[in-house]
Amino acid sequence: MDGTPGQVEGVQRWHAAVAHTADVGVRATAPDPGGLLEEAATALAELSADVSHAKHLRAQEIEVRADDLAALTFAWLNELVGLADALGEALVEARVERLDASPDGWLARGKATFAAYDAQVQPRQQVKAATFHRLKVARQPDGWNLEAYFDV
């Protein structure tokens, strides 16, 4: 990713599940917004299925636009949920190839990878959608952080 807005050098990427009564949440950190979208996608993939031994992968181009980074995160996650549902396959990962911020809003382009459910790819939780409930995306001195919740 060339010229990614807001990259913070030396920040480690990570993500974790967050307990919630009706939904399931995730937190993620990355040095830049593109990495943050990728970490959120990885967290979504891990919540949805065991893809650690996935084979026969299928790549799908994705593009989402939004007015701000929080709305872009919401759109990105819901695009991934929708594609997995439409394909009837498990999300394995998503990569941001282009991320642009302009006065008109944000644009993210990338590729999502999916795998068919089989003996090596087992479902975990059926994620129905990302929600705006407690959705937070913020730049911190140590990088970019997000908290997002999914309807399951």
C-alpha atoms as a PDB file:
ATOM      1  CA  MET A   1       0.000   0.000   0.000  1.00  0.00           C
ATOM      2  CA  ASP A   2       1.703   3.132  -1.170  1.00  0.00           C
ATOM      3  CA  GLY A   3       0.976   6.385   0.592  1.00  0.00           C
ATOM      4  CA  THR A   4      -1.443   4.921   3.150  1.00  0.00           C
ATOM      5  CA  PRO A   5      -2.895   7.805   5.151  1.00  0.00           C
ATOM      6  CA  GLY A   6      -1.986   7.851   8.820  1.00  0.00           C
ATOM      7  CA  GLN A   7       0.565   5.034   9.055  1.00  0.00           C
ATOM      8  CA  VAL A   8       2.337   4.842  12.407  1.00  0.00           C
ATOM      9  CA  GLU A   9       5.763   3.178  12.290  1.00  0.00           C
ATOM     10  CA  GLY A  10       6.605   0.342  14.669  1.00  0.00           C
ATOM     11  CA  VAL A  11       3.025  -0.473  15.687  1.00  0.00           C
ATOM     12  CA  GLN A  12       2.199  -4.160  15.929  1.00  0.00           C
ATOM     13  CA  ARG A  13      -1.049  -5.457  14.445  1.00  0.00           C
ATOM     14  CA  TRP A  14      -3.438  -7.574  16.547  1.00  0.00           C
ATOM     15  CA  HIS A  15      -7.106  -8.422  17.099  1.00  0.00           C
ATOM     16  CA  ALA A  16      -9.230 -10.169  19.751  1.00  0.00           C
ATOM     17  CA  ALA A  17     -12.823 -11.234  20.372  1.00  0.00           C
ATOM     18  CA  VAL A  18     -14.845  -9.133  22.824  1.00  0.00           C
ATOM     19  CA  ALA A  19     -17.611 -10.620  24.992  1.00  0.00           C
ATOM     20  CA  HIS A  20     -21.105  -9.158  24.521  1.00  0.00           C
ATOM     21  CA  THR A  21     -24.547 -10.360  25.585  1.00  0.00           C
ATOM     22  CA  ALA A  22     -26.329 -10.502  22.203  1.00  0.00           C
ATOM     23  CA  ASP A  23     -23.664  -9.886  19.607  1.00  0.00           C
ATOM     24  CA  VAL A  24     -19.999 -10.661  19.269  1.00  0.00           C
ATOM     25  CA  GLY A  25     -17.388  -7.935  19.219  1.00  0.00           C
ATOM     26  CA  VAL A  26     -13.815  -7.545  18.104  1.00  0.00           C
ATOM     27  CA  ARG A  27     -11.005  -5.133  18.837  1.00  0.00           C
ATOM     28  CA  ALA A  28      -8.112  -4.588  16.491  1.00  0.00           C
ATOM     29  CA  THR A  29      -4.993  -2.467  16.256  1.00  0.00           C
ATOM     30  CA  ALA A  30      -2.713  -1.715  13.325  1.00  0.00           C
ATOM     31  CA  PRO A  31      -0.202   0.949  12.335  1.00  0.00           C
ATOM     32  CA  ASP A  32      -2.444   2.310   9.553  1.00  0.00           C
ATOM     33  CA  PRO A  33      -6.125   2.312   8.510  1.00  0.00           C
ATOM     34  CA  GLY A  34      -5.583  -0.267   5.735  1.00  0.00           C
ATOM     35  CA  GLY A  35      -4.006  -2.663   8.188  1.00  0.00           C
ATOM     36  CA  LEU A  36      -6.885  -2.015  10.562  1.00  0.00           C
ATOM     37  CA  LEU A  37      -9.414  -3.079   7.908  1.00  0.00           C
ATOM     38  CA  GLU A  38      -7.342  -6.206   7.253  1.00  0.00           C
ATOM     39  CA  GLU A  39      -7.174  -7.068  10.976  1.00  0.00           C
ATOM     40  CA  ALA A  40     -10.935  -6.576  11.310  1.00  0.00           C
ATOM     41  CA  ALA A  41     -11.431  -8.947   8.353  1.00  0.00           C
ATOM     42  CA  THR A  42      -9.128 -11.524   9.963  1.00  0.00           C
ATOM     43  CA  ALA A  43     -11.097 -11.295  13.206  1.00  0.00           C
ATOM     44  CA  LEU A  44     -14.351 -11.734  11.257  1.00  0.00           C
ATOM     45  CA  ALA A  45     -12.904 -14.771   9.444  1.00  0.00           C
ATOM     46  CA  GLU A  46     -11.836 -16.375  12.725  1.00  0.00           C
ATOM     47  CA  LEU A  47     -15.246 -15.753  14.306  1.00  0.00           C
ATOM     48  CA  SER A  48     -17.080 -17.233  11.339  1.00  0.00           C
ATOM     49  CA  ALA A  49     -15.130 -20.418  10.609  1.00  0.00           C
ATOM     50  CA  ASP A  50     -12.037 -22.469  11.260  1.00  0.00           C
ATOM     51  CA  VAL A  51     -10.085 -21.670   8.100  1.00  0.00           C
ATOM     52  CA  SER A  52      -6.639 -22.640   9.373  1.00  0.00           C
ATOM     53  CA  HIS A  53      -6.458 -25.584   6.939  1.00  0.00           C
ATOM     54  CA  ALA A  54      -8.439 -24.054   4.068  1.00  0.00           C
ATOM     55  CA  LYS A  55      -7.610 -25.183   0.527  1.00  0.00           C
ATOM     56  CA  HIS A  56      -9.139 -24.397  -2.858  1.00  0.00           C
ATOM     57  CA  LEU A  57      -9.262 -20.657  -2.281  1.00  0.00           C
ATOM     58  CA  ARG A  58     -11.273 -18.214  -4.372  1.00  0.00           C
ATOM     59  CA  ALA A  59     -10.325 -14.535  -4.643  1.00  0.00           C
ATOM     60  CA  GLN A  60     -12.944 -11.812  -5.059  1.00  0.00           C
ATOM     61  CA  GLU A  61     -12.316  -8.129  -5.798  1.00  0.00           C
ATOM     62  CA  ILE A  62     -14.000  -5.751  -3.373  1.00  0.00           C
ATOM     63  CA  GLU A  63     -14.543  -2.007  -3.296  1.00  0.00           C
ATOM     64  CA  VAL A  64     -16.367   0.108  -0.747  1.00  0.00           C
ATOM     65  CA  ARG A  65     -16.833   3.851  -0.282  1.00  0.00           C
ATOM     66  CA  ALA A  66     -18.012   5.880   2.684  1.00  0.00           C
ATOM     67  CA  ASP A  67     -18.013   9.388   4.106  1.00  0.00           C
ATOM     68  CA  ASP A  68     -15.693   8.614   7.010  1.00  0.00           C
ATOM     69  CA  LEU A  69     -13.428   5.847   8.268  1.00  0.00           C
ATOM     70  CA  ALA A  70     -15.980   4.398  10.715  1.00  0.00           C
ATOM     71  CA  ALA A  71     -18.582   4.145   7.948  1.00  0.00           C
ATOM     72  CA  LEU A  72     -15.940   2.643   5.644  1.00  0.00           C
ATOM     73  CA  THR A  73     -15.159  -0.006   8.270  1.00  0.00           C
ATOM     74  CA  PHE A  74     -18.885  -0.788   8.574  1.00  0.00           C
ATOM     75  CA  ALA A  75     -19.210  -1.050   4.767  1.00  0.00           C
ATOM     76  CA  TRP A  76     -16.020  -3.166   4.454  1.00  0.00           C
ATOM     77  CA  LEU A  77     -17.142  -5.676   7.074  1.00  0.00           C
ATOM     78  CA  ASN A  78     -20.669  -5.927   5.696  1.00  0.00           C
ATOM     79  CA  GLU A  79     -19.340  -6.416   2.166  1.00  0.00           C
ATOM     80  CA  LEU A  80     -17.287  -9.348   3.443  1.00  0.00           C
ATOM     81  CA  VAL A  81     -20.235 -10.827   5.368  1.00  0.00           C
ATOM     82  CA  GLY A  82     -22.485 -10.424   2.313  1.00  0.00           C
ATOM     83  CA  LEU A  83     -20.008 -11.997  -0.080  1.00  0.00           C
ATOM     84  CA  ALA A  84     -19.427 -14.980   2.221  1.00  0.00           C
ATOM     85  CA  ASP A  85     -23.183 -15.466   2.495  1.00  0.00           C
ATOM     86  CA  ALA A  86     -23.795 -15.102  -1.258  1.00  0.00           C
ATOM     87  CA  LEU A  87     -20.974 -17.511  -2.102  1.00  0.00           C
ATOM     88  CA  GLY A  88     -21.895 -19.939   0.678  1.00  0.00           C
ATOM     89  CA  GLU A  89     -18.216 -20.004   1.618  1.00  0.00           C
ATOM     90  CA  ALA A  90     -16.012 -19.000   4.520  1.00  0.00           C
ATOM     91  CA  LEU A  91     -14.013 -15.788   4.537  1.00  0.00           C
ATOM     92  CA  VAL A  92     -10.318 -16.625   4.838  1.00  0.00           C
ATOM     93  CA  GLU A  93      -8.778 -13.145   4.638  1.00  0.00           C
ATOM     94  CA  ALA A  94      -9.062  -9.750   2.998  1.00  0.00           C
ATOM     95  CA  ARG A  95      -6.280  -7.475   1.793  1.00  0.00           C
ATOM     96  CA  VAL A  96      -6.461  -3.755   1.163  1.00  0.00           C
ATOM     97  CA  GLU A  97      -4.716  -2.880  -2.086  1.00  0.00           C
ATOM     98  CA  ARG A  98      -5.753   0.768  -2.179  1.00  0.00           C
ATOM     99  CA  LEU A  99      -7.048   3.109   0.482  1.00  0.00           C
ATOM    100  CA  ASP A 100      -7.736   6.736  -0.326  1.00  0.00           C
ATOM    101  CA  ALA A 101      -9.040   9.579   1.775  1.00  0.00           C
ATOM    102  CA  SER A 102     -10.344  12.698   0.046  1.00  0.00           C
ATOM    103  CA  PRO A 103     -12.735  15.558   0.808  1.00  0.00           C
ATOM    104  CA  ASP A 104     -15.442  13.367  -0.809  1.00  0.00           C
ATOM    105  CA  GLY A 105     -14.817  10.478   1.613  1.00  0.00           C
ATOM    106  CA  TRP A 106     -12.933   7.208   1.784  1.00  0.00           C
ATOM    107  CA  LEU A 107     -12.378   4.449  -0.782  1.00  0.00           C
ATOM    108  CA  ALA A 108     -11.053   0.960  -0.052  1.00  0.00           C
ATOM    109  CA  ARG A 109     -10.210  -1.536  -2.781  1.00  0.00           C
ATOM    110  CA  GLY A 110      -8.822  -4.984  -2.235  1.00  0.00           C
ATOM    111  CA  LYS A 111      -9.259  -8.712  -2.506  1.00  0.00           C
ATOM    112  CA  ALA A 112     -11.095 -11.093  -0.244  1.00  0.00           C
ATOM    113  CA  THR A 113     -10.276 -14.779  -0.197  1.00  0.00           C
ATOM    114  CA  PHE A 114     -12.926 -17.420   0.445  1.00  0.00           C
ATOM    115  CA  ALA A 115     -12.920 -21.212   0.871  1.00  0.00           C
ATOM    116  CA  ALA A 116     -15.696 -23.755   0.474  1.00  0.00           C
ATOM    117  CA  TYR A 117     -16.938 -25.429   3.635  1.00  0.00           C
ATOM    118  CA  ASP A 118     -15.616 -28.991   3.818  1.00  0.00           C
ATOM    119  CA  ALA A 119     -13.765 -31.281   6.227  1.00  0.00           C
ATOM    120  CA  GLN A 120     -10.959 -28.680   6.543  1.00  0.00           C
ATOM    121  CA  VAL A 121     -13.220 -25.604   6.808  1.00  0.00           C
ATOM    122  CA  GLN A 122     -15.808 -25.818   9.555  1.00  0.00           C
ATOM    123  CA  PRO A 123     -18.305 -23.075  10.485  1.00  0.00           C
ATOM    124  CA  ARG A 124     -18.148 -21.466  13.929  1.00  0.00           C
ATOM    125  CA  GLN A 125     -20.669 -18.631  14.311  1.00  0.00           C
ATOM    126  CA  GLN A 126     -23.083 -17.404  11.699  1.00  0.00           C
ATOM    127  CA  VAL A 127     -22.337 -13.694  11.456  1.00  0.00           C
ATOM    128  CA  LYS A 128     -25.328 -11.890   9.960  1.00  0.00           C
ATOM    129  CA  ALA A 129     -23.998  -8.333   9.759  1.00  0.00           C
ATOM    130  CA  ALA A 130     -21.672  -5.733  11.200  1.00  0.00           C
ATOM    131  CA  THR A 131     -23.490  -3.130  13.270  1.00  0.00           C
ATOM    132  CA  PHE A 132     -22.939   0.515  14.143  1.00  0.00           C
ATOM    133  CA  HIS A 133     -23.470  -0.453  17.812  1.00  0.00           C
ATOM    134  CA  ARG A 134     -20.402   0.845  19.681  1.00  0.00           C
ATOM    135  CA  LEU A 135     -18.398   0.986  16.445  1.00  0.00           C
ATOM    136  CA  LYS A 136     -15.242   2.972  17.118  1.00  0.00           C
ATOM    137  CA  VAL A 137     -12.312   3.720  14.837  1.00  0.00           C
ATOM    138  CA  ALA A 138      -9.669   6.042  16.210  1.00  0.00           C
ATOM    139  CA  ARG A 139      -6.080   7.077  15.715  1.00  0.00           C
ATOM    140  CA  GLN A 140      -4.077   6.773  18.910  1.00  0.00           C
ATOM    141  CA  PRO A 141      -0.441   7.673  19.589  1.00  0.00           C
ATOM    142  CA  ASP A 142       0.396   3.958  19.271  1.00  0.00           C
ATOM    143  CA  GLY A 143      -1.500   3.364  15.989  1.00  0.00           C
ATOM    144  CA  TRP A 144      -5.072   2.859  14.866  1.00  0.00           C
ATOM    145  CA  ASN A 145      -7.678   1.046  16.981  1.00  0.00           C
ATOM    146  CA  LEU A 146     -11.159  -0.245  16.307  1.00  0.00           C
ATOM    147  CA  GLU A 147     -13.976  -1.887  18.159  1.00  0.00           C
ATOM    148  CA  ALA A 148     -16.772  -3.430  16.136  1.00  0.00           C
ATOM    149  CA  TYR A 149     -19.759  -5.657  16.877  1.00  0.00           C
ATOM    150  CA  PHE A 150     -21.504  -8.233  14.706  1.00  0.00           C
ATOM    151  CA  ASP A 151     -25.072  -9.471  14.807  1.00  0.00           C
ATOM    152  CA  VAL A 152     -24.954 -13.268  15.134  1.00  0.00           C
END
